[in-house]
Amino acid sequence: MQNPFSNPAFSMAALTAAINILPNRYGRIEDLGLMPAKPVRQRQVIVEEMNGVLNLLPTLPPGAPGTVGVRGKRTLRSFVIPHIPHDDVVLPEEVQGIRAFGSETETEAVAGVIARHLETMRNKHAITLEHLRMGALKGVILDADGSVLYDLFDEFDITPQTIAFDLGNAGTNVKSKCLATLAAIEDNLKGEFMSGVHCLCSPEFFTALTGHAKVEKAFENWQQGAILINDVRRGFTYAGITFEEYRGQATDPSGTTRRFIAAGEAHAFPLGTVDTFGTYFAPADFNETVNTIGQTLYAKQEPRKFDRGTDLHTQSNPLPMCHRPGVLVKLTV
């Protein structure tokens, strides 16, 4: 019998291309286009911080020597990119009955089985990447078990900012809280620019915000009552901030369900920046991928012992990063 898995259609390059073509079914942060992919050739990245010195230039008479530019201090920080492997298996029972020697339909049928497995594996990698990216937006990147991979505030020696909205108090000036949030982000852009501010909220925070007396009054005048017929959880703008309910959660290997945003919290961040956010992807640890540009996902297969099935291996090596953690502001009820 012809072994379909020895066909070039099931090579590392072909499987990797196939899994990267499959749609990403998870990821609001991916939809926002907030953290674009930045492929690298190494297993670690160096983030260079340069504190630019900006000052006003005085007027001088013609012929006078110009003022001398002052260089900012440069600081280098190294980050090891996490390695996330995942394995699965295609058993003989799944391709039972495919026995035509030299038949092209044999390869097509096996490809369908492989595609189903790759889709499931991709979805697991996708929700994992969403979890890592949400951690980068909060300033603390967590592993699947809740342990800390990187605390960006500690790495960049920045004090995290938290603004209590006091939504349980009907007299709270929510607009002033929003303006304080905008000011905190703008003051920490450090020469960057933004197109707006977005805020992903836990359901508890979103409910408290939309139910607050000051905000409800604004709702009545928002687009002439369109709020009554539209699902505003996908985002409504109030006092310069677009608030959106975010219900992301996943189950870790031990079976514990982990929410990506804690109850009663929300996280505000700028949109439209140039290089504040990014996702670094390192190459896989295969012989074929040494010193190559990293891809989002990799897939590979090999026969099991005694040809009792075929092992599938996928891996991703992502590191979502916020280069300016000072722009990340946590809001609390």
Protein backbone atom coordinates (compact mmCIF):
# COMPACT_ATOMS: atom_id res chain seq x y z
CA MET A 1 0.00 0.00 0.00
CA GLN A 2 1.14 3.52 -0.75
CA ASN A 3 1.79 5.48 2.42
CA PRO A 4 -0.08 8.77 1.90
CA PHE A 5 1.92 10.46 4.66
CA SER A 6 5.12 10.11 2.61
CA ASN A 7 3.51 12.29 -0.04
CA PRO A 8 5.02 15.82 -0.32
CA ALA A 9 1.54 17.18 0.36
CA PHE A 10 2.10 16.26 4.01
CA SER A 11 5.55 17.81 4.40
CA MET A 12 6.36 20.31 7.14
CA ALA A 13 6.08 23.23 4.73
CA ALA A 14 2.73 22.07 3.35
CA LEU A 15 1.19 21.38 6.76
CA THR A 16 2.48 24.68 8.12
CA ALA A 17 0.97 26.55 5.19
CA ALA A 18 -2.31 24.67 5.67
CA ILE A 19 -2.64 25.45 9.38
CA ASN A 20 -1.85 29.13 8.82
CA ILE A 21 -4.55 29.36 6.14
CA LEU A 22 -7.24 28.02 8.47
CA PRO A 23 -9.41 30.80 9.91
CA ASN A 24 -8.73 32.12 13.38
CA ARG A 25 -12.02 31.67 15.23
CA TYR A 26 -10.92 33.35 18.43
CA GLY A 27 -9.49 36.71 19.28
CA ARG A 28 -11.11 40.13 19.74
CA ILE A 29 -7.62 41.59 20.05
CA GLU A 30 -6.78 40.03 16.68
CA ASP A 31 -9.91 41.68 15.24
CA LEU A 32 -8.79 45.05 16.57
CA GLY A 33 -5.48 44.68 14.71
CA LEU A 34 -3.79 45.94 17.84
CA MET A 35 -0.74 43.67 17.96
CA PRO A 36 0.56 43.02 14.44
CA ALA A 37 2.90 40.10 13.82
CA LYS A 38 6.62 40.86 13.92
CA PRO A 39 8.54 37.75 12.78
CA VAL A 40 12.10 37.35 14.03
CA ARG A 41 14.91 34.85 13.42
CA GLN A 42 15.99 34.36 17.03
CA ARG A 43 14.48 32.76 20.12
CA GLN A 44 14.74 35.99 22.06
CA VAL A 45 14.22 39.67 21.32
CA ILE A 46 16.00 42.76 22.55
CA VAL A 47 13.79 45.74 23.29
CA GLU A 48 15.70 49.01 23.24
CA GLU A 49 14.35 51.89 25.26
CA MET A 50 15.65 55.36 24.55
CA ASN A 51 14.52 58.25 26.69
CA GLY A 52 14.42 61.02 24.12
CA VAL A 53 15.21 64.48 25.43
CA LEU A 54 12.93 67.14 23.91
CA ASN A 55 13.48 70.81 24.68
CA LEU A 56 12.60 74.16 23.15
CA LEU A 57 15.20 75.71 20.85
CA PRO A 58 16.04 79.36 21.47
CA THR A 59 16.31 81.97 18.75
CA LEU A 60 19.86 83.16 18.06
CA PRO A 61 21.33 85.97 15.97
CA PRO A 62 22.52 85.12 12.45
CA GLY A 63 26.02 83.63 12.48
CA ALA A 64 25.76 82.36 16.03
CA PRO A 65 26.62 78.69 16.68
CA GLY A 66 23.66 76.35 16.98
CA THR A 67 22.63 74.62 20.14
CA VAL A 68 24.10 71.16 20.66
CA GLY A 69 21.76 68.19 20.61
CA VAL A 70 21.55 66.08 23.77
CA ARG A 71 21.29 62.29 23.39
CA GLY A 72 18.87 60.32 25.49
CA LYS A 73 19.85 57.36 27.60
CA ARG A 74 19.49 53.93 26.01
CA THR A 75 18.44 50.82 27.89
CA LEU A 76 18.36 47.26 26.53
CA ARG A 77 16.04 44.56 27.81
CA SER A 78 16.03 40.94 26.71
CA PHE A 79 12.92 38.77 26.47
CA VAL A 80 12.90 35.02 25.75
CA ILE A 81 10.01 34.11 23.44
CA PRO A 82 7.73 31.43 24.94
CA HIS A 83 7.59 28.02 23.26
CA ILE A 84 4.09 26.50 23.00
CA PRO A 85 4.00 22.96 21.53
CA HIS A 86 0.87 20.84 21.07
CA ASP A 87 0.53 17.23 19.85
CA ASP A 88 -2.27 15.12 18.43
CA VAL A 89 -2.55 11.79 16.60
CA VAL A 90 -4.30 10.44 13.51
CA LEU A 91 -5.25 6.83 14.18
CA PRO A 92 -5.69 4.16 11.48
CA GLU A 93 -9.41 3.99 12.28
CA GLU A 94 -9.85 7.51 10.98
CA VAL A 95 -8.57 6.57 7.53
CA GLN A 96 -10.04 3.07 7.49
CA GLY A 97 -11.12 1.95 4.03
CA ILE A 98 -8.66 4.14 2.12
CA ARG A 99 -6.63 1.46 0.38
CA ALA A 100 -6.51 2.22 -3.36
CA PHE A 101 -2.91 1.87 -4.51
CA GLY A 102 -1.68 4.95 -6.38
CA SER A 103 -5.04 6.66 -6.07
CA GLU A 104 -5.10 10.44 -5.71
CA THR A 105 -8.39 10.25 -3.85
CA GLU A 106 -6.53 8.41 -1.09
CA THR A 107 -4.39 11.47 -0.46
CA GLU A 108 -7.41 13.75 -0.63
CA ALA A 109 -9.29 11.72 1.97
CA VAL A 110 -6.35 11.68 4.36
CA ALA A 111 -5.91 15.42 3.81
CA GLY A 112 -9.47 15.93 5.03
CA VAL A 113 -8.72 14.01 8.22
CA ILE A 114 -5.54 16.02 8.75
CA ALA A 115 -7.42 19.28 8.13
CA ARG A 116 -9.95 18.47 10.87
CA HIS A 117 -7.18 17.84 13.36
CA LEU A 118 -5.26 20.94 12.32
CA GLU A 119 -8.36 23.10 12.72
CA THR A 120 -8.86 21.92 16.29
CA MET A 121 -5.18 22.44 17.07
CA ARG A 122 -5.20 25.90 15.53
CA ASN A 123 -8.17 26.95 17.63
CA LYS A 124 -6.30 25.94 20.78
CA HIS A 125 -3.27 27.97 19.72
CA ALA A 126 -5.54 30.90 18.83
CA ILE A 127 -7.21 31.12 22.23
CA THR A 128 -3.80 30.74 23.87
CA LEU A 129 -2.47 33.67 21.84
CA GLU A 130 -5.53 35.72 22.81
CA HIS A 131 -4.76 34.98 26.46
CA LEU A 132 -1.15 36.09 26.07
CA ARG A 133 -2.15 39.25 24.21
CA MET A 134 -4.69 40.14 26.87
CA GLY A 135 -1.91 39.76 29.41
CA ALA A 136 0.25 42.18 27.43
CA LEU A 137 -2.65 44.66 27.44
CA LYS A 138 -2.86 44.35 31.22
CA GLY A 139 0.93 44.64 31.58
CA VAL A 140 1.34 41.17 33.10
CA ILE A 141 1.73 38.26 30.66
CA LEU A 142 0.50 35.04 32.24
CA ASP A 143 1.08 31.39 31.40
CA ALA A 144 -1.78 28.91 31.05
CA ASP A 145 -1.56 27.97 34.75
CA GLY A 146 -1.73 31.60 35.88
CA SER A 147 1.98 31.96 36.62
CA VAL A 148 3.70 35.16 35.51
CA LEU A 149 5.81 34.99 32.36
CA TYR A 150 6.65 38.70 32.23
CA ASP A 151 5.58 41.63 34.38
CA LEU A 152 6.12 44.48 31.93
CA PHE A 153 5.82 47.09 34.65
CA ASP A 154 8.72 45.51 36.53
CA GLU A 155 10.72 44.98 33.35
CA PHE A 156 10.43 48.64 32.33
CA ASP A 157 10.53 49.94 35.93
CA ILE A 158 7.13 51.63 35.63
CA THR A 159 4.47 52.02 38.30
CA PRO A 160 1.14 50.61 37.08
CA GLN A 161 -1.77 53.05 36.96
CA THR A 162 -5.19 52.23 38.38
CA ILE A 163 -8.20 54.55 38.35
CA ALA A 164 -11.16 53.72 40.59
CA PHE A 165 -14.36 54.75 38.81
CA ASP A 166 -16.46 54.42 41.99
CA LEU A 167 -19.48 53.31 39.95
CA GLY A 168 -21.35 52.23 43.06
CA ASN A 169 -21.78 55.89 43.94
CA ALA A 170 -24.57 57.55 41.95
CA GLY A 171 -22.94 60.95 42.42
CA THR A 172 -19.60 60.00 40.85
CA ASN A 173 -18.55 62.21 37.95
CA VAL A 174 -17.85 59.44 35.45
CA LYS A 175 -16.82 61.93 32.77
CA SER A 176 -14.00 63.26 34.94
CA LYS A 177 -12.82 59.68 35.52
CA CYS A 178 -12.70 59.15 31.76
CA LEU A 179 -10.78 62.38 31.25
CA ALA A 180 -8.28 61.30 33.91
CA THR A 181 -7.84 58.02 32.02
CA LEU A 182 -7.22 59.85 28.75
CA ALA A 183 -4.70 62.16 30.42
CA ALA A 184 -2.82 59.22 31.93
CA ILE A 185 -2.51 57.56 28.52
CA GLU A 186 -1.58 60.73 26.64
CA ASP A 187 1.10 61.67 29.18
CA ASN A 188 2.79 58.30 28.74
CA LEU A 189 2.79 58.05 24.95
CA LYS A 190 6.34 59.48 25.02
CA GLY A 191 6.36 60.85 21.51
CA GLU A 192 3.89 58.30 20.08
CA PHE A 193 0.50 59.27 18.72
CA MET A 194 -2.86 57.54 18.84
CA SER A 195 -6.18 57.63 17.03
CA GLY A 196 -8.32 56.91 20.08
CA VAL A 197 -8.66 55.02 23.35
CA HIS A 198 -10.38 51.64 23.68
CA CYS A 199 -11.36 49.88 26.88
CA LEU A 200 -12.13 46.19 27.28
CA CYS A 201 -14.40 45.65 30.28
CA SER A 202 -15.45 42.72 32.38
CA PRO A 203 -19.22 42.13 32.33
CA GLU A 204 -19.47 43.44 35.90
CA PHE A 205 -17.72 46.70 35.05
CA PHE A 206 -19.72 47.17 31.86
CA THR A 207 -23.02 46.61 33.66
CA ALA A 208 -22.09 49.04 36.43
CA LEU A 209 -20.97 51.65 33.90
CA THR A 210 -24.05 51.46 31.69
CA GLY A 211 -26.30 51.40 34.74
CA HIS A 212 -24.75 54.49 36.33
CA ALA A 213 -27.11 57.46 36.57
CA LYS A 214 -24.73 59.87 34.79
CA VAL A 215 -24.07 57.47 31.91
CA GLU A 216 -27.71 56.47 31.44
CA LYS A 217 -28.57 60.09 30.83
CA ALA A 218 -25.99 60.23 28.07
CA PHE A 219 -27.43 57.06 26.56
CA GLU A 220 -30.79 58.70 26.05
CA ASN A 221 -29.24 61.24 23.72
CA TRP A 222 -26.87 58.84 21.97
CA GLN A 223 -27.84 58.52 18.31
CA GLN A 224 -31.46 59.39 19.10
CA GLY A 225 -32.20 56.26 21.06
CA ALA A 226 -30.34 53.78 18.85
CA ILE A 227 -28.95 52.34 22.06
CA LEU A 228 -32.37 50.78 22.70
CA ILE A 229 -32.18 48.54 19.65
CA ASN A 230 -28.43 47.93 19.22
CA ASP A 231 -26.11 45.69 21.19
CA VAL A 232 -23.85 48.31 22.76
CA ARG A 233 -21.63 45.67 24.32
CA ARG A 234 -19.63 45.74 21.07
CA GLY A 235 -18.58 49.26 21.93
CA PHE A 236 -20.00 52.68 22.68
CA THR A 237 -18.05 55.89 23.11
CA TYR A 238 -18.43 57.99 26.22
CA ALA A 239 -16.21 60.96 27.13
CA GLY A 240 -13.63 60.01 24.52
CA ILE A 241 -13.28 56.32 25.44
CA THR A 242 -14.88 53.41 23.59
CA PHE A 243 -16.02 50.84 26.15
CA GLU A 244 -16.60 47.25 25.09
CA GLU A 245 -17.72 44.23 27.08
CA TYR A 246 -15.16 41.44 26.91
CA ARG A 247 -16.08 37.91 28.03
CA GLY A 248 -12.90 36.06 27.02
CA GLN A 249 -12.16 32.96 29.06
CA ALA A 250 -10.64 29.52 28.58
CA THR A 251 -9.97 26.29 30.45
CA ASP A 252 -6.42 25.53 31.52
CA PRO A 253 -4.89 21.99 31.40
CA SER A 254 -6.11 21.28 34.94
CA GLY A 255 -9.71 22.06 33.99
CA THR A 256 -9.87 25.44 35.74
CA THR A 257 -11.73 28.16 33.83
CA ARG A 258 -9.72 31.36 33.72
CA ARG A 259 -11.24 34.71 32.85
CA PHE A 260 -8.99 36.99 30.85
CA ILE A 261 -10.28 40.07 32.70
CA ALA A 262 -11.03 39.83 36.41
CA ALA A 263 -14.51 40.67 37.69
CA GLY A 264 -15.06 44.37 38.26
CA GLU A 265 -12.07 45.45 36.18
CA ALA A 266 -11.49 47.07 32.80
CA HIS A 267 -8.34 47.89 30.85
CA ALA A 268 -7.87 51.00 28.71
CA PHE A 269 -5.22 51.33 25.99
CA PRO A 270 -4.51 53.52 22.93
CA LEU A 271 -5.39 52.62 19.34
CA GLY A 272 -3.62 53.64 16.15
CA THR A 273 -0.10 53.69 17.56
CA VAL A 274 2.94 52.94 15.40
CA ASP A 275 5.13 50.67 17.50
CA THR A 276 3.63 50.55 20.98
CA PHE A 277 2.25 47.03 20.48
CA GLY A 278 3.42 43.99 18.56
CA THR A 279 3.58 40.20 18.61
CA TYR A 280 6.98 38.64 18.01
CA PHE A 281 7.03 35.18 16.41
CA ALA A 282 10.17 33.07 16.63
CA PRO A 283 11.02 30.13 14.32
CA ALA A 284 10.24 26.56 15.35
CA ASP A 285 12.89 24.25 16.77
CA PHE A 286 13.08 22.11 13.59
CA ASN A 287 16.17 21.49 11.48
CA GLU A 288 14.38 23.04 8.52
CA THR A 289 13.57 26.28 10.33
CA VAL A 290 16.94 27.24 11.79
CA ASN A 291 17.72 30.92 11.12
CA THR A 292 14.47 31.40 9.18
CA ILE A 293 11.82 34.04 9.73
CA GLY A 294 9.31 32.94 12.35
CA GLN A 295 5.77 32.06 11.36
CA THR A 296 2.55 32.24 13.33
CA LEU A 297 2.18 28.45 13.55
CA TYR A 298 4.10 25.35 12.53
CA ALA A 299 2.84 21.82 11.88
CA LYS A 300 4.66 18.56 11.28
CA GLN A 301 3.85 14.83 11.19
CA GLU A 302 5.68 11.53 11.56
CA PRO A 303 4.56 7.86 11.66
CA ARG A 304 4.12 6.16 15.01
CA LYS A 305 5.96 3.01 16.03
CA PHE A 306 4.91 -0.02 13.93
CA ASP A 307 2.93 2.44 11.75
CA ARG A 308 0.08 2.44 14.25
CA GLY A 309 -1.03 5.93 13.34
CA THR A 310 0.58 9.27 12.64
CA ASP A 311 1.63 11.83 15.21
CA LEU A 312 0.83 15.47 14.51
CA HIS A 313 2.91 18.20 16.12
CA THR A 314 2.09 21.89 16.11
CA GLN A 315 3.87 24.72 17.81
CA SER A 316 3.79 28.46 18.12
CA ASN A 317 6.44 30.75 19.56
CA PRO A 318 4.71 34.06 20.27
CA LEU A 319 5.57 36.98 22.53
CA PRO A 320 2.98 39.78 22.60
CA MET A 321 4.62 42.97 23.75
CA CYS A 322 3.70 46.46 24.87
CA HIS A 323 6.77 48.65 24.48
CA ARG A 324 5.23 51.45 26.55
CA PRO A 325 3.49 49.88 29.58
CA GLY A 326 2.83 53.37 30.93
CA VAL A 327 -0.08 53.71 28.48
CA LEU A 328 -1.91 50.76 30.05
CA VAL A 329 -4.48 51.90 32.60
CA LYS A 330 -6.56 49.57 34.77
CA LEU A 331 -10.05 50.73 35.74
CA THR A 332 -11.99 49.33 38.68
CA VAL A 333 -15.64 49.51 39.68
